[in-house]
Amino acid sequence: VLLYNESVTFSHSIVSKSQRLGQNISGLSPLVELFIFKISVFFSLISRALNVLLTFCTFVFNIVTSS
């Protein structure tokens, strides 16, 4: 669980950094902005998928240990 929390905070920091970077170079080109937006969406999807996977694994583990 700790490892998962670290990965979530890590992905969140990447997302916030990429958003900040996007704000800095927003004058550069809309394409770069779109690319950074896609990356941040990708990271949030990954963290959500990890969350679901972790919940599922915990659920299975509880069933296995209780029987």
C-alpha atoms as a PDB file:
ATOM      1  CA  VAL A   1       0.000   0.000   0.000  1.00  0.00           C
ATOM      2  CA  LEU A   2       2.867   2.347   0.844  1.00  0.00           C
ATOM      3  CA  LEU A   3       4.474   1.673  -2.522  1.00  0.00           C
ATOM      4  CA  TYR A   4       1.179   2.473  -4.216  1.00  0.00           C
ATOM      5  CA  ASN A   5       0.816   5.731  -2.299  1.00  0.00           C
ATOM      6  CA  GLU A   6       4.330   6.722  -3.321  1.00  0.00           C
ATOM      7  CA  SER A   7       3.574   5.939  -6.963  1.00  0.00           C
ATOM      8  CA  VAL A   8       0.394   8.023  -6.799  1.00  0.00           C
ATOM      9  CA  THR A   9       2.153  11.021  -5.266  1.00  0.00           C
ATOM     10  CA  PHE A  10       4.934  10.530  -7.826  1.00  0.00           C
ATOM     11  CA  SER A  11       2.463  10.546 -10.724  1.00  0.00           C
ATOM     12  CA  HIS A  12       0.658  13.544  -9.222  1.00  0.00           C
ATOM     13  CA  SER A  13       3.928  15.451  -8.969  1.00  0.00           C
ATOM     14  CA  ILE A  14       4.684  14.579 -12.596  1.00  0.00           C
ATOM     15  CA  VAL A  15       1.222  15.788 -13.599  1.00  0.00           C
ATOM     16  CA  SER A  16       1.607  19.072 -11.721  1.00  0.00           C
ATOM     17  CA  LYS A  17       5.108  19.553 -13.115  1.00  0.00           C
ATOM     18  CA  SER A  18       3.944  18.884 -16.657  1.00  0.00           C
ATOM     19  CA  GLN A  19       1.038  21.286 -16.160  1.00  0.00           C
ATOM     20  CA  ARG A  20       3.413  23.954 -14.855  1.00  0.00           C
ATOM     21  CA  LEU A  21       5.705  23.286 -17.775  1.00  0.00           C
ATOM     22  CA  GLY A  22       2.691  23.575 -20.062  1.00  0.00           C
ATOM     23  CA  GLN A  23       1.870  26.982 -18.601  1.00  0.00           C
ATOM     24  CA  ASN A  24       5.467  28.119 -19.119  1.00  0.00           C
ATOM     25  CA  ILE A  25       5.612  27.146 -22.776  1.00  0.00           C
ATOM     26  CA  SER A  26       1.964  27.681 -23.678  1.00  0.00           C
ATOM     27  CA  GLY A  27       3.099  30.554 -25.883  1.00  0.00           C
ATOM     28  CA  LEU A  28       5.380  28.157 -27.735  1.00  0.00           C
ATOM     29  CA  SER A  29       2.786  26.078 -29.524  1.00  0.00           C
ATOM     30  CA  PRO A  30      -0.680  24.574 -28.984  1.00  0.00           C
ATOM     31  CA  LEU A  31       0.680  21.213 -30.142  1.00  0.00           C
ATOM     32  CA  VAL A  32       3.118  21.021 -27.226  1.00  0.00           C
ATOM     33  CA  GLU A  33       0.340  22.026 -24.853  1.00  0.00           C
ATOM     34  CA  LEU A  34      -1.891  19.259 -26.217  1.00  0.00           C
ATOM     35  CA  PHE A  35       0.950  16.746 -25.893  1.00  0.00           C
ATOM     36  CA  ILE A  36       1.544  17.690 -22.227  1.00  0.00           C
ATOM     37  CA  PHE A  37      -2.184  17.517 -21.548  1.00  0.00           C
ATOM     38  CA  LYS A  38      -2.299  14.009 -23.029  1.00  0.00           C
ATOM     39  CA  ILE A  39       0.646  12.965 -20.859  1.00  0.00           C
ATOM     40  CA  SER A  40      -1.039  14.248 -17.692  1.00  0.00           C
ATOM     41  CA  VAL A  41      -4.292  12.447 -18.622  1.00  0.00           C
ATOM     42  CA  PHE A  42      -2.260   9.297 -19.295  1.00  0.00           C
ATOM     43  CA  PHE A  43      -0.643   9.485 -15.848  1.00  0.00           C
ATOM     44  CA  SER A  44      -3.979  10.013 -14.106  1.00  0.00           C
ATOM     45  CA  LEU A  45      -5.402   6.989 -15.947  1.00  0.00           C
ATOM     46  CA  ILE A  46      -2.395   4.918 -14.853  1.00  0.00           C
ATOM     47  CA  SER A  47      -2.856   5.915 -11.204  1.00  0.00           C
ATOM     48  CA  ARG A  48      -6.572   5.049 -11.434  1.00  0.00           C
ATOM     49  CA  ALA A  49      -5.760   1.668 -12.961  1.00  0.00           C
ATOM     50  CA  LEU A  50      -3.214   1.019 -10.190  1.00  0.00           C
ATOM     51  CA  ASN A  51      -5.854   1.902  -7.625  1.00  0.00           C
ATOM     52  CA  VAL A  52      -8.344  -0.573  -9.110  1.00  0.00           C
ATOM     53  CA  LEU A  53      -5.688  -3.268  -9.377  1.00  0.00           C
ATOM     54  CA  LEU A  54      -4.575  -2.738  -5.778  1.00  0.00           C
ATOM     55  CA  THR A  55      -8.173  -2.910  -4.519  1.00  0.00           C
ATOM     56  CA  PHE A  56      -8.746  -6.113  -6.468  1.00  0.00           C
ATOM     57  CA  CYS A  57      -5.519  -7.708  -5.196  1.00  0.00           C
ATOM     58  CA  THR A  58      -6.387  -6.775  -1.612  1.00  0.00           C
ATOM     59  CA  PHE A  59      -9.860  -8.268  -2.082  1.00  0.00           C
ATOM     60  CA  VAL A  60      -8.459 -11.545  -3.454  1.00  0.00           C
ATOM     61  CA  PHE A  61      -5.795 -11.661  -0.745  1.00  0.00           C
ATOM     62  CA  ASN A  62      -8.455 -11.238   1.957  1.00  0.00           C
ATOM     63  CA  ILE A  63     -10.515 -14.109   0.498  1.00  0.00           C
ATOM     64  CA  VAL A  64      -7.486 -16.390   0.248  1.00  0.00           C
ATOM     65  CA  THR A  65      -6.280 -15.679   3.794  1.00  0.00           C
ATOM     66  CA  SER A  66      -9.729 -15.950   5.388  1.00  0.00           C
ATOM     67  CA  SER A  67     -10.470 -19.434   3.991  1.00  0.00           C
END
